Structures are given as C-alpha cells and as structure tokens.
Amino acid sequence: MRGVAADVLLGAGMVIELISVLGICVLHDTLDRLHCVSLASWGTLLIGLAILVRESFSLLGDKALLAGVLAVVLSPVVVQTTARSHRIRVHGDWRARDGRSNRGSGAVTPAVREAQR
C-alpha cells in the first residue's frame, strides 16, 4: 500500500515538473517564465513526499521532505528576486518612475503609451 501511494505521489510530482518545464519552453517573456518556478516547487514537494512515504522518517526521508518544503517556502523569494533583477537590468532601477505605481501586468498597451506622451 505504501508503494502505491509513493508511486502516485512520484507520478504526480513528475507530471507537475514536466508541465512547468513545458511552460518555460513555451512562454516567451522572462517574467512569464517565472510563473513556472512556483509550479515546479510543488512538484518538488510531491517528489519529496513520495520519498518520505517509501523510506519513512529516516535520514533520506527527512532530507527529501526538507528539500520539498524549502522549495515551496522559498520559491516566492526566488521569483521576486529574479523579477527585481530583471527589472533593474531592463529599466536601470526597480522602483516606479515619476511616482507612478507599477502594479499590473507590466505590459504597455498602445493606449497607455499614448497617454504617457
């Protein structure tokens, strides 16, 4: 029974990892690709849980669980840091210019471009 549960968790984790890799390959923008990082962290957690179910609470199982939990907890930090670094590289600064908020998708539509003129 434990083997079946471990196989199901491992399969689900692998499917999530494959979906996130396909998303990274298909998406064109760096900021869009960052969305796949959080999905990949959940796949890592499921794979860690599969190892924990198969190996029980041992040195290997505990490390696998810790790696999965750390991936889920720290992926927002990695995404935020990478997005901020990308913004600095593209715009020279991470803050909004002219006191305007930079909330939203970040895409500049023709209407927004016309309003900025």
PDB file of N, CA and C in Angstrom:
ATOM      1  N   MET A   1       0.825  -1.201   0.000  1.00  0.00           N
ATOM      2  CA  MET A   1       0.000   0.000   0.000  1.00  0.00           C
ATOM      3  C   MET A   1       0.868   1.263   0.000  1.00  0.00           C
ATOM      4  N   ARG A   2       1.973   1.234   0.783  1.00  0.00           N
ATOM      5  CA  ARG A   2       2.857   2.397   0.814  1.00  0.00           C
ATOM      6  C   ARG A   2       3.536   2.596  -0.536  1.00  0.00           C
ATOM      7  N   GLY A   3       3.843   1.485  -1.201  1.00  0.00           N
ATOM      8  CA  GLY A   3       4.474   1.577  -2.514  1.00  0.00           C
ATOM      9  C   GLY A   3       3.568   2.224  -3.542  1.00  0.00           C
ATOM     10  N   VAL A   4       2.280   1.909  -3.476  1.00  0.00           N
ATOM     11  CA  VAL A   4       1.316   2.501  -4.415  1.00  0.00           C
ATOM     12  C   VAL A   4       1.177   3.999  -4.149  1.00  0.00           C
ATOM     13  N   ALA A   5       1.086   4.374  -2.883  1.00  0.00           N
ATOM     14  CA  ALA A   5       0.972   5.795  -2.538  1.00  0.00           C
ATOM     15  C   ALA A   5       2.227   6.556  -2.969  1.00  0.00           C
ATOM     16  N   ALA A   6       3.387   5.949  -2.762  1.00  0.00           N
ATOM     17  CA  ALA A   6       4.638   6.603  -3.179  1.00  0.00           C
ATOM     18  C   ALA A   6       4.696   6.747  -4.695  1.00  0.00           C
ATOM     19  N   ASP A   7       4.243   5.731  -5.414  1.00  0.00           N
ATOM     20  CA  ASP A   7       4.248   5.796  -6.880  1.00  0.00           C
ATOM     21  C   ASP A   7       3.292   6.870  -7.400  1.00  0.00           C
ATOM     22  N   VAL A   8       2.132   7.000  -6.757  1.00  0.00           N
ATOM     23  CA  VAL A   8       1.164   8.031  -7.164  1.00  0.00           C
ATOM     24  C   VAL A   8       1.736   9.419  -6.908  1.00  0.00           C
ATOM     25  N   LEU A   9       2.341   9.628  -5.734  1.00  0.00           N
ATOM     26  CA  LEU A   9       2.942  10.929  -5.433  1.00  0.00           C
ATOM     27  C   LEU A   9       4.097  11.242  -6.379  1.00  0.00           C
ATOM     28  N   LEU A  10       4.917  10.246  -6.664  1.00  0.00           N
ATOM     29  CA  LEU A  10       6.031  10.439  -7.579  1.00  0.00           C
ATOM     30  C   LEU A  10       5.536  10.763  -8.987  1.00  0.00           C
ATOM     31  N   GLY A  11       4.516  10.054  -9.443  1.00  0.00           N
ATOM     32  CA  GLY A  11       3.946  10.329 -10.764  1.00  0.00           C
ATOM     33  C   GLY A  11       3.355  11.726 -10.846  1.00  0.00           C
ATOM     34  N   ALA A  12       2.628  12.127  -9.805  1.00  0.00           N
ATOM     35  CA  ALA A  12       2.036  13.467  -9.796  1.00  0.00           C
ATOM     36  C   ALA A  12       3.121  14.541  -9.782  1.00  0.00           C
ATOM     37  N   GLY A  13       4.170  14.310  -9.006  1.00  0.00           N
ATOM     38  CA  GLY A  13       5.275  15.266  -8.970  1.00  0.00           C
ATOM     39  C   GLY A  13       5.972  15.372 -10.311  1.00  0.00           C
ATOM     40  N   MET A  14       6.158  14.243 -10.975  1.00  0.00           N
ATOM     41  CA  MET A  14       6.803  14.252 -12.291  1.00  0.00           C
ATOM     42  C   MET A  14       5.954  14.973 -13.334  1.00  0.00           C
ATOM     43  N   VAL A  15       4.640  14.747 -13.270  1.00  0.00           N
ATOM     44  CA  VAL A  15       3.747  15.432 -14.219  1.00  0.00           C
ATOM     45  C   VAL A  15       3.800  16.944 -14.005  1.00  0.00           C
ATOM     46  N   ILE A  16       3.793  17.382 -12.757  1.00  0.00           N
ATOM     47  CA  ILE A  16       3.869  18.815 -12.466  1.00  0.00           C
ATOM     48  C   ILE A  16       5.200  19.391 -12.946  1.00  0.00           C
ATOM     49  N   GLU A  17       6.284  18.658 -12.719  1.00  0.00           N
ATOM     50  CA  GLU A  17       7.596  19.125 -13.194  1.00  0.00           C
ATOM     51  C   GLU A  17       7.625  19.225 -14.718  1.00  0.00           C
ATOM     52  N   LEU A  18       7.063  18.245 -15.405  1.00  0.00           N
ATOM     53  CA  LEU A  18       7.035  18.289 -16.870  1.00  0.00           C
ATOM     54  C   LEU A  18       6.198  19.449 -17.393  1.00  0.00           C
ATOM     55  N   ILE A  19       5.074  19.709 -16.733  1.00  0.00           N
ATOM     56  CA  ILE A  19       4.237  20.843 -17.140  1.00  0.00           C
ATOM     57  C   ILE A  19       4.987  22.155 -16.954  1.00  0.00           C
ATOM     58  N   SER A  20       5.711  22.280 -15.847  1.00  0.00           N
ATOM     59  CA  SER A  20       6.448  23.527 -15.619  1.00  0.00           C
ATOM     60  C   SER A  20       7.590  23.685 -16.621  1.00  0.00           C
ATOM     61  N   VAL A  21       8.265  22.605 -16.980  1.00  0.00           N
ATOM     62  CA  VAL A  21       9.327  22.686 -17.991  1.00  0.00           C
ATOM     63  C   VAL A  21       8.737  23.052 -19.345  1.00  0.00           C
ATOM     64  N   LEU A  22       7.605  22.470 -19.693  1.00  0.00           N
ATOM     65  CA  LEU A  22       6.954  22.839 -20.959  1.00  0.00           C
ATOM     66  C   LEU A  22       6.534  24.302 -20.944  1.00  0.00           C
ATOM     67  N   GLY A  23       6.058  24.774 -19.802  1.00  0.00           N
ATOM     68  CA  GLY A  23       5.685  26.188 -19.691  1.00  0.00           C
ATOM     69  C   GLY A  23       6.875  27.100 -19.900  1.00  0.00           C
ATOM     70  N   ILE A  24       8.024  26.727 -19.345  1.00  0.00           N
ATOM     71  CA  ILE A  24       9.218  27.531 -19.535  1.00  0.00           C
ATOM     72  C   ILE A  24       9.637  27.533 -20.999  1.00  0.00           C
ATOM     73  N   CYS A  25       9.484  26.394 -21.667  1.00  0.00           N
ATOM     74  CA  CYS A  25       9.862  26.308 -23.085  1.00  0.00           C
ATOM     75  C   CYS A  25       8.909  27.083 -23.983  1.00  0.00           C
ATOM     76  N   VAL A  26       7.636  27.133 -23.637  1.00  0.00           N
ATOM     77  CA  VAL A  26       6.626  27.749 -24.497  1.00  0.00           C
ATOM     78  C   VAL A  26       6.539  29.258 -24.280  1.00  0.00           C
ATOM     79  N   LEU A  27       6.637  29.711 -23.045  1.00  0.00           N
ATOM     80  CA  LEU A  27       6.482  31.135 -22.757  1.00  0.00           C
ATOM     81  C   LEU A  27       7.688  31.908 -23.267  1.00  0.00           C
ATOM     82  N   HIS A  28       7.459  33.111 -23.762  1.00  0.00           N
ATOM     83  CA  HIS A  28       8.498  33.872 -24.422  1.00  0.00           C
ATOM     84  C   HIS A  28       9.158  34.899 -23.520  1.00  0.00           C
ATOM     85  N   ASP A  29       8.439  35.457 -22.580  1.00  0.00           N
ATOM     86  CA  ASP A  29       8.941  36.539 -21.748  1.00  0.00           C
ATOM     87  C   ASP A  29       9.552  35.988 -20.462  1.00  0.00           C
ATOM     88  N   THR A  30      10.589  36.629 -19.991  1.00  0.00           N
ATOM     89  CA  THR A  30      11.243  36.199 -18.748  1.00  0.00           C
ATOM     90  C   THR A  30      10.286  36.259 -17.572  1.00  0.00           C
ATOM     91  N   LEU A  31       9.518  37.314 -17.485  1.00  0.00           N
ATOM     92  CA  LEU A  31       8.591  37.452 -16.359  1.00  0.00           C
ATOM     93  C   LEU A  31       7.465  36.424 -16.425  1.00  0.00           C
ATOM     94  N   ASP A  32       7.056  36.042 -17.623  1.00  0.00           N
ATOM     95  CA  ASP A  32       6.057  34.988 -17.755  1.00  0.00           C
ATOM     96  C   ASP A  32       6.628  33.642 -17.335  1.00  0.00           C
ATOM     97  N   ARG A  33       7.876  33.395 -17.665  1.00  0.00           N
ATOM     98  CA  ARG A  33       8.514  32.128 -17.307  1.00  0.00           C
ATOM     99  C   ARG A  33       8.661  31.957 -15.807  1.00  0.00           C
ATOM    100  N   LEU A  34       8.735  33.059 -15.090  1.00  0.00           N
ATOM    101  CA  LEU A  34       8.890  32.969 -13.634  1.00  0.00           C
ATOM    102  C   LEU A  34       7.687  32.316 -12.967  1.00  0.00           C
ATOM    103  N   HIS A  35       6.529  32.359 -13.605  1.00  0.00           N
ATOM    104  CA  HIS A  35       5.345  31.725 -13.023  1.00  0.00           C
ATOM    105  C   HIS A  35       5.514  30.216 -12.915  1.00  0.00           C
ATOM    106  N   CYS A  36       6.325  29.649 -13.774  1.00  0.00           N
ATOM    107  CA  CYS A  36       6.534  28.195 -13.757  1.00  0.00           C
ATOM    108  C   CYS A  36       7.394  27.741 -12.594  1.00  0.00           C
ATOM    109  N   VAL A  37       8.140  28.651 -11.984  1.00  0.00           N
ATOM    110  CA  VAL A  37       9.009  28.282 -10.864  1.00  0.00           C
ATOM    111  C   VAL A  37       8.187  27.824  -9.673  1.00  0.00           C
ATOM    112  N   SER A  38       7.110  28.516  -9.369  1.00  0.00           N
ATOM    113  CA  SER A  38       6.291  28.111  -8.221  1.00  0.00           C
ATOM    114  C   SER A  38       5.611  26.772  -8.482  1.00  0.00           C
ATOM    115  N   LEU A  39       5.224  26.519  -9.707  1.00  0.00           N
ATOM    116  CA  LEU A  39       4.636  25.227 -10.048  1.00  0.00           C
ATOM    117  C   LEU A  39       5.665  24.110  -9.873  1.00  0.00           C
ATOM    118  N   ALA A  40       6.888  24.354 -10.280  1.00  0.00           N
ATOM    119  CA  ALA A  40       7.942  23.353 -10.136  1.00  0.00           C
ATOM    120  C   ALA A  40       8.236  23.060  -8.671  1.00  0.00           C
ATOM    121  N   SER A  41       8.097  24.055  -7.816  1.00  0.00           N
ATOM    122  CA  SER A  41       8.366  23.814  -6.390  1.00  0.00           C
ATOM    123  C   SER A  41       7.328  22.868  -5.784  1.00  0.00           C
ATOM    124  N   TRP A  42       6.088  22.931  -6.249  1.00  0.00           N
ATOM    125  CA  TRP A  42       5.078  21.997  -5.742  1.00  0.00           C
ATOM    126  C   TRP A  42       5.362  20.576  -6.231  1.00  0.00           C
ATOM    127  N   GLY A  43       5.882  20.457  -7.439  1.00  0.00           N
ATOM    128  CA  GLY A  43       6.293  19.138  -7.923  1.00  0.00           C
ATOM    129  C   GLY A  43       7.423  18.575  -7.086  1.00  0.00           C
ATOM    130  N   THR A  44       8.357  19.434  -6.697  1.00  0.00           N
ATOM    131  CA  THR A  44       9.463  19.012  -5.831  1.00  0.00           C
ATOM    132  C   THR A  44       8.937  18.538  -4.481  1.00  0.00           C
ATOM    133  N   LEU A  45       7.940  19.218  -3.951  1.00  0.00           N
ATOM    134  CA  LEU A  45       7.350  18.792  -2.679  1.00  0.00           C
ATOM    135  C   LEU A  45       6.697  17.420  -2.812  1.00  0.00           C
ATOM    136  N   LEU A  46       5.976  17.193  -3.903  1.00  0.00           N
ATOM    137  CA  LEU A  46       5.338  15.883  -4.092  1.00  0.00           C
ATOM    138  C   LEU A  46       6.365  14.768  -4.253  1.00  0.00           C
ATOM    139  N   ILE A  47       7.456  15.048  -4.943  1.00  0.00           N
ATOM    140  CA  ILE A  47       8.511  14.044  -5.079  1.00  0.00           C
ATOM    141  C   ILE A  47       9.156  13.776  -3.724  1.00  0.00           C
ATOM    142  N   GLY A  48       9.371  14.823  -2.932  1.00  0.00           N
ATOM    143  CA  GLY A  48       9.898  14.639  -1.585  1.00  0.00           C
ATOM    144  C   GLY A  48       8.960  13.835  -0.705  1.00  0.00           C
ATOM    145  N   LEU A  49       7.668  14.070  -0.841  1.00  0.00           N
ATOM    146  CA  LEU A  49       6.685  13.281  -0.078  1.00  0.00           C
ATOM    147  C   LEU A  49       6.685  11.828  -0.521  1.00  0.00           C
ATOM    148  N   ALA A  50       6.885  11.584  -1.818  1.00  0.00           N
ATOM    149  CA  ALA A  50       6.958  10.204  -2.303  1.00  0.00           C
ATOM    150  C   ALA A  50       8.150   9.479  -1.694  1.00  0.00           C
ATOM    151  N   ILE A  51       9.277  10.162  -1.610  1.00  0.00           N
ATOM    152  CA  ILE A  51      10.455   9.556  -0.978  1.00  0.00           C
ATOM    153  C   ILE A  51      10.200   9.319   0.501  1.00  0.00           C
ATOM    154  N   LEU A  52       9.529  10.267   1.154  1.00  0.00           N
ATOM    155  CA  LEU A  52       9.215  10.106   2.575  1.00  0.00           C
ATOM    156  C   LEU A  52       8.289   8.925   2.812  1.00  0.00           C
ATOM    157  N   VAL A  53       7.291   8.750   1.953  1.00  0.00           N
ATOM    158  CA  VAL A  53       6.364   7.627   2.112  1.00  0.00           C
ATOM    159  C   VAL A  53       7.097   6.304   1.912  1.00  0.00           C
ATOM    160  N   ARG A  54       7.973   6.245   0.935  1.00  0.00           N
ATOM    161  CA  ARG A  54       8.684   4.993   0.664  1.00  0.00           C
ATOM    162  C   ARG A  54       9.747   4.695   1.719  1.00  0.00           C
ATOM    163  N   GLU A  55      10.506   5.706   2.152  1.00  0.00           N
ATOM    164  CA  GLU A  55      11.625   5.494   3.067  1.00  0.00           C
ATOM    165  C   GLU A  55      11.273   5.718   4.529  1.00  0.00           C
ATOM    166  N   SER A  56      10.087   6.245   4.808  1.00  0.00           N
ATOM    167  CA  SER A  56       9.650   6.579   6.155  1.00  0.00           C
ATOM    168  C   SER A  56      10.512   7.707   6.716  1.00  0.00           C
ATOM    169  N   PHE A  57      10.365   7.980   8.002  1.00  0.00           N
ATOM    170  CA  PHE A  57      11.140   9.054   8.616  1.00  0.00           C
ATOM    171  C   PHE A  57      12.539   8.540   8.929  1.00  0.00           C
ATOM    172  N   SER A  58      13.400   8.639   7.947  1.00  0.00           N
ATOM    173  CA  SER A  58      14.801   8.263   8.088  1.00  0.00           C
ATOM    174  C   SER A  58      15.621   9.458   7.624  1.00  0.00           C
ATOM    175  N   LEU A  59      16.911   9.288   7.558  1.00  0.00           N
ATOM    176  CA  LEU A  59      17.759  10.385   7.105  1.00  0.00           C
ATOM    177  C   LEU A  59      17.392  10.807   5.685  1.00  0.00           C
ATOM    178  N   LEU A  60      17.182   9.846   4.809  1.00  0.00           N
ATOM    179  CA  LEU A  60      16.827  10.139   3.419  1.00  0.00           C
ATOM    180  C   LEU A  60      15.434  10.762   3.322  1.00  0.00           C
ATOM    181  N   GLY A  61      14.461  10.204   4.040  1.00  0.00           N
ATOM    182  CA  GLY A  61      13.103  10.726   4.004  1.00  0.00           C
ATOM    183  C   GLY A  61      12.999  12.127   4.575  1.00  0.00           C
ATOM    184  N   ASP A  62      13.730  12.369   5.672  1.00  0.00           N
ATOM    185  CA  ASP A  62      13.702  13.701   6.279  1.00  0.00           C
ATOM    186  C   ASP A  62      14.322  14.753   5.364  1.00  0.00           C
ATOM    187  N   LYS A  63      15.427  14.400   4.711  1.00  0.00           N
ATOM    188  CA  LYS A  63      16.068  15.345   3.790  1.00  0.00           C
ATOM    189  C   LYS A  63      15.183  15.623   2.583  1.00  0.00           C
ATOM    190  N   ALA A  64      14.505  14.618   2.086  1.00  0.00           N
ATOM    191  CA  ALA A  64      13.618  14.812   0.940  1.00  0.00           C
ATOM    192  C   ALA A  64      12.450  15.727   1.310  1.00  0.00           C
ATOM    193  N   LEU A  65      11.884  15.519   2.497  1.00  0.00           N
ATOM    194  CA  LEU A  65      10.791  16.372   2.958  1.00  0.00           C
ATOM    195  C   LEU A  65      11.276  17.801   3.159  1.00  0.00           C
ATOM    196  N   LEU A  66      12.450  17.959   3.764  1.00  0.00           N
ATOM    197  CA  LEU A  66      13.003  19.290   3.979  1.00  0.00           C
ATOM    198  C   LEU A  66      13.255  20.006   2.659  1.00  0.00           C
ATOM    199  N   ALA A  67      13.793  19.296   1.678  1.00  0.00           N
ATOM    200  CA  ALA A  67      14.046  19.909   0.369  1.00  0.00           C
ATOM    201  C   ALA A  67      12.745  20.363  -0.298  1.00  0.00           C
ATOM    202  N   GLY A  68      11.702  19.535  -0.206  1.00  0.00           N
ATOM    203  CA  GLY A  68      10.418  19.909  -0.791  1.00  0.00           C
ATOM    204  C   GLY A  68       9.784  21.105  -0.110  1.00  0.00           C
ATOM    205  N   VAL A  69       9.828  21.113   1.221  1.00  0.00           N
ATOM    206  CA  VAL A  69       9.237  22.230   1.969  1.00  0.00           C
ATOM    207  C   VAL A  69      10.013  23.518   1.704  1.00  0.00           C
ATOM    208  N   LEU A  70      11.344  23.434   1.691  1.00  0.00           N
ATOM    209  CA  LEU A  70      12.145  24.625   1.400  1.00  0.00           C
ATOM    210  C   LEU A  70      11.885  25.151  -0.009  1.00  0.00           C
ATOM    211  N   ALA A  71      11.701  24.258  -0.963  1.00  0.00           N
ATOM    212  CA  ALA A  71      11.404  24.700  -2.332  1.00  0.00           C
ATOM    213  C   ALA A  71      10.096  25.469  -2.388  1.00  0.00           C
ATOM    214  N   VAL A  72       9.069  24.989  -1.691  1.00  0.00           N
ATOM    215  CA  VAL A  72       7.768  25.662  -1.699  1.00  0.00           C
ATOM    216  C   VAL A  72       7.833  26.986  -0.945  1.00  0.00           C
ATOM    217  N   VAL A  73       8.522  26.999   0.181  1.00  0.00           N
ATOM    218  CA  VAL A  73       8.574  28.204   1.012  1.00  0.00           C
ATOM    219  C   VAL A  73       9.443  29.287   0.365  1.00  0.00           C
ATOM    220  N   LEU A  74      10.542  28.892  -0.259  1.00  0.00           N
ATOM    221  CA  LEU A  74      11.480  29.875  -0.782  1.00  0.00           C
ATOM    222  C   LEU A  74      11.256  30.246  -2.244  1.00  0.00           C
ATOM    223  N   SER A  75      10.380  29.562  -2.953  1.00  0.00           N
ATOM    224  CA  SER A  75      10.180  29.905  -4.369  1.00  0.00           C
ATOM    225  C   SER A  75       9.630  31.323  -4.561  1.00  0.00           C
ATOM    226  N   PRO A  76       8.749  31.849  -3.700  1.00  0.00           N
ATOM    227  CA  PRO A  76       8.344  33.250  -3.893  1.00  0.00           C
ATOM    228  C   PRO A  76       9.502  34.231  -3.741  1.00  0.00           C
ATOM    229  N   VAL A  77      10.440  33.923  -2.866  1.00  0.00           N
ATOM    230  CA  VAL A  77      11.607  34.788  -2.692  1.00  0.00           C
ATOM    231  C   VAL A  77      12.477  34.756  -3.948  1.00  0.00           C
ATOM    232  N   VAL A  78      12.673  33.566  -4.501  1.00  0.00           N
ATOM    233  CA  VAL A  78      13.473  33.429  -5.720  1.00  0.00           C
ATOM    234  C   VAL A  78      12.805  34.152  -6.882  1.00  0.00           C
ATOM    235  N   VAL A  79      11.502  34.013  -7.008  1.00  0.00           N
ATOM    236  CA  VAL A  79      10.777  34.672  -8.103  1.00  0.00           C
ATOM    237  C   VAL A  79      10.848  36.191  -7.951  1.00  0.00           C
ATOM    238  N   GLN A  80      10.631  36.693  -6.743  1.00  0.00           N
ATOM    239  CA  GLN A  80      10.665  38.138  -6.510  1.00  0.00           C
ATOM    240  C   GLN A  80      12.049  38.713  -6.786  1.00  0.00           C
ATOM    241  N   THR A  81      13.078  38.024  -6.315  1.00  0.00           N
ATOM    242  CA  THR A  81      14.451  38.489  -6.527  1.00  0.00           C
ATOM    243  C   THR A  81      14.820  38.466  -8.008  1.00  0.00           C
ATOM    244  N   THR A  82      14.426  37.423  -8.699  1.00  0.00           N
ATOM    245  CA  THR A  82      14.725  37.337 -10.130  1.00  0.00           C
ATOM    246  C   THR A  82      13.973  38.409 -10.920  1.00  0.00           C
ATOM    247  N   ALA A  83      12.710  38.636 -10.571  1.00  0.00           N
ATOM    248  CA  ALA A  83      11.931  39.670 -11.264  1.00  0.00           C
ATOM    249  C   ALA A  83      12.515  41.053 -11.013  1.00  0.00           C
ATOM    250  N   ARG A  84      12.933  41.310  -9.780  1.00  0.00           N
ATOM    251  CA  ARG A  84      13.532  42.608  -9.472  1.00  0.00           C
ATOM    252  C   ARG A  84      14.861  42.783 -10.217  1.00  0.00           C
ATOM    253  N   SER A  85      15.665  41.729 -10.276  1.00  0.00           N
ATOM    254  CA  SER A  85      16.933  41.800 -11.010  1.00  0.00           C
ATOM    255  C   SER A  85      16.685  42.043 -12.498  1.00  0.00           C
ATOM    256  N   HIS A  86      15.649  41.397 -13.038  1.00  0.00           N
ATOM    257  CA  HIS A  86      15.303  41.608 -14.444  1.00  0.00           C
ATOM    258  C   HIS A  86      14.875  43.057 -14.675  1.00  0.00           C
ATOM    259  N   ARG A  87      14.082  43.588 -13.763  1.00  0.00           N
ATOM    260  CA  ARG A  87      13.628  44.978 -13.908  1.00  0.00           C
ATOM    261  C   ARG A  87      14.805  45.950 -13.840  1.00  0.00           C
ATOM    262  N   ILE A  88      15.758  45.689 -12.957  1.00  0.00           N
ATOM    263  CA  ILE A  88      16.936  46.545 -12.866  1.00  0.00           C
ATOM    264  C   ILE A  88      17.745  46.474 -14.155  1.00  0.00           C
ATOM    265  N   ARG A  89      17.866  45.282 -14.703  1.00  0.00           N
ATOM    266  CA  ARG A  89      18.641  45.118 -15.943  1.00  0.00           C
ATOM    267  C   ARG A  89      17.968  45.829 -17.122  1.00  0.00           C
ATOM    268  N   VAL A  90      16.641  45.775 -17.172  1.00  0.00           N
ATOM    269  CA  VAL A  90      15.923  46.371 -18.299  1.00  0.00           C
ATOM    270  C   VAL A  90      15.761  47.879 -18.137  1.00  0.00           C
ATOM    271  N   HIS A  91      15.352  48.323 -16.929  1.00  0.00           N
ATOM    272  CA  HIS A  91      14.999  49.732 -16.714  1.00  0.00           C
ATOM    273  C   HIS A  91      16.061  50.523 -15.956  1.00  0.00           C
ATOM    274  N   GLY A  92      17.043  49.836 -15.393  1.00  0.00           N
ATOM    275  CA  GLY A  92      18.073  50.539 -14.642  1.00  0.00           C
ATOM    276  C   GLY A  92      17.732  50.766 -13.181  1.00  0.00           C
ATOM    277  N   ASP A  93      16.499  50.545 -12.789  1.00  0.00           N
ATOM    278  CA  ASP A  93      16.076  50.726 -11.404  1.00  0.00           C
ATOM    279  C   ASP A  93      14.844  49.872 -11.167  1.00  0.00           C
ATOM    280  N   TRP A  94      14.645  49.413  -9.951  1.00  0.00           N
ATOM    281  CA  TRP A  94      13.498  48.554  -9.675  1.00  0.00           C
ATOM    282  C   TRP A  94      12.274  49.343  -9.248  1.00  0.00           C
ATOM    283  N   ARG A  95      12.454  50.629  -8.918  1.00  0.00           N
ATOM    284  CA  ARG A  95      11.321  51.438  -8.450  1.00  0.00           C
ATOM    285  C   ARG A  95      10.547  52.029  -9.625  1.00  0.00           C
ATOM    286  N   ALA A  96       9.293  52.412  -9.350  1.00  0.00           N
ATOM    287  CA  ALA A  96       8.474  53.048 -10.379  1.00  0.00           C
ATOM    288  C   ALA A  96       9.009  54.441 -10.666  1.00  0.00           C
ATOM    289  N   ARG A  97       8.916  54.857 -11.899  1.00  0.00           N
ATOM    290  CA  ARG A  97       9.395  56.178 -12.276  1.00  0.00           C
ATOM    291  C   ARG A  97       8.283  57.196 -12.145  1.00  0.00           C
ATOM    292  N   ASP A  98       8.643  58.438 -11.869  1.00  0.00           N
ATOM    293  CA  ASP A  98       7.710  59.570 -11.804  1.00  0.00           C
ATOM    294  C   ASP A  98       6.621  59.360 -10.769  1.00  0.00           C
ATOM    295  N   GLY A  99       6.878  58.561  -9.747  1.00  0.00           N
ATOM    296  CA  GLY A  99       5.912  58.363  -8.685  1.00  0.00           C
ATOM    297  C   GLY A  99       4.715  57.523  -9.060  1.00  0.00           C
ATOM    298  N   ARG A 100       4.707  56.980 -10.276  1.00  0.00           N
ATOM    299  CA  ARG A 100       3.581  56.153 -10.697  1.00  0.00           C
ATOM    300  C   ARG A 100       3.744  54.739 -10.171  1.00  0.00           C
ATOM    301  N   SER A 101       2.638  54.095  -9.917  1.00  0.00           N
ATOM    302  CA  SER A 101       2.661  52.711  -9.463  1.00  0.00           C
ATOM    303  C   SER A 101       2.965  51.807 -10.641  1.00  0.00           C
ATOM    304  N   ASN A 102       3.707  50.745 -10.377  1.00  0.00           N
ATOM    305  CA  ASN A 102       3.990  49.794 -11.441  1.00  0.00           C
ATOM    306  C   ASN A 102       3.242  48.489 -11.216  1.00  0.00           C
ATOM    307  N   ARG A 103       2.086  48.584 -10.613  1.00  0.00           N
ATOM    308  CA  ARG A 103       1.272  47.390 -10.400  1.00  0.00           C
ATOM    309  C   ARG A 103       0.591  47.009 -11.705  1.00  0.00           C
ATOM    310  N   GLY A 104       0.266  45.737 -11.821  1.00  0.00           N
ATOM    311  CA  GLY A 104      -0.407  45.264 -13.017  1.00  0.00           C
ATOM    312  C   GLY A 104       0.484  44.329 -13.800  1.00  0.00           C
ATOM    313  N   SER A 105       0.114  44.075 -15.014  1.00  0.00           N
ATOM    314  CA  SER A 105       0.813  43.078 -15.813  1.00  0.00           C
ATOM    315  C   SER A 105       2.176  43.543 -16.287  1.00  0.00           C
ATOM    316  N   GLY A 106       2.399  44.835 -16.310  1.00  0.00           N
ATOM    317  CA  GLY A 106       3.670  45.334 -16.789  1.00  0.00           C
ATOM    318  C   GLY A 106       3.686  45.542 -18.294  1.00  0.00           C
ATOM    319  N   ALA A 107       2.653  45.069 -18.974  1.00  0.00           N
ATOM    320  CA  ALA A 107       2.592  45.234 -20.417  1.00  0.00           C
ATOM    321  C   ALA A 107       2.147  46.655 -20.739  1.00  0.00           C
ATOM    322  N   VAL A 108       2.804  47.282 -21.693  1.00  0.00           N
ATOM    323  CA  VAL A 108       2.451  48.630 -22.101  1.00  0.00           C
ATOM    324  C   VAL A 108       1.578  48.515 -23.339  1.00  0.00           C
ATOM    325  N   THR A 109       0.317  48.854 -23.166  1.00  0.00           N
ATOM    326  CA  THR A 109      -0.622  48.801 -24.282  1.00  0.00           C
ATOM    327  C   THR A 109      -0.511  50.097 -25.086  1.00  0.00           C
ATOM    328  N   PRO A 110      -0.997  50.098 -26.308  1.00  0.00           N
ATOM    329  CA  PRO A 110      -0.960  51.341 -27.092  1.00  0.00           C
ATOM    330  C   PRO A 110      -1.685  52.490 -26.418  1.00  0.00           C
ATOM    331  N   ALA A 111      -2.772  52.234 -25.706  1.00  0.00           N
ATOM    332  CA  ALA A 111      -3.499  53.302 -25.020  1.00  0.00           C
ATOM    333  C   ALA A 111      -2.644  53.904 -23.904  1.00  0.00           C
ATOM    334  N   VAL A 112      -1.931  53.054 -23.166  1.00  0.00           N
ATOM    335  CA  VAL A 112      -1.068  53.553 -22.096  1.00  0.00           C
ATOM    336  C   VAL A 112       0.096  54.343 -22.702  1.00  0.00           C
ATOM    337  N   ARG A 113       0.667  53.843 -23.776  1.00  0.00           N
ATOM    338  CA  ARG A 113       1.768  54.538 -24.433  1.00  0.00           C
ATOM    339  C   ARG A 113       1.321  55.906 -24.929  1.00  0.00           C
ATOM    340  N   GLU A 114       0.112  55.987 -25.461  1.00  0.00           N
ATOM    341  CA  GLU A 114      -0.419  57.270 -25.947  1.00  0.00           C
ATOM    342  C   GLU A 114      -0.673  58.230 -24.802  1.00  0.00           C
ATOM    343  N   ALA A 115      -1.144  57.708 -23.659  1.00  0.00           N
ATOM    344  CA  ALA A 115      -1.414  58.558 -22.507  1.00  0.00           C
ATOM    345  C   ALA A 115      -0.123  59.092 -21.893  1.00  0.00           C
ATOM    346  N   GLN A 116       0.976  58.369 -22.053  1.00  0.00           N
ATOM    347  CA  GLN A 116       2.247  58.803 -21.475  1.00  0.00           C
ATOM    348  C   GLN A 116       2.903  59.907 -22.306  1.00  0.00           C
ATOM    349  N   ARG A 117       2.466  60.106 -23.515  1.00  0.00           N
ATOM    350  CA  ARG A 117       3.064  61.148 -24.375  1.00  0.00           C
ATOM    351  C   ARG A 117       2.642  62.517 -23.999  1.00  0.00           C
TER     352      ARG A 117
END
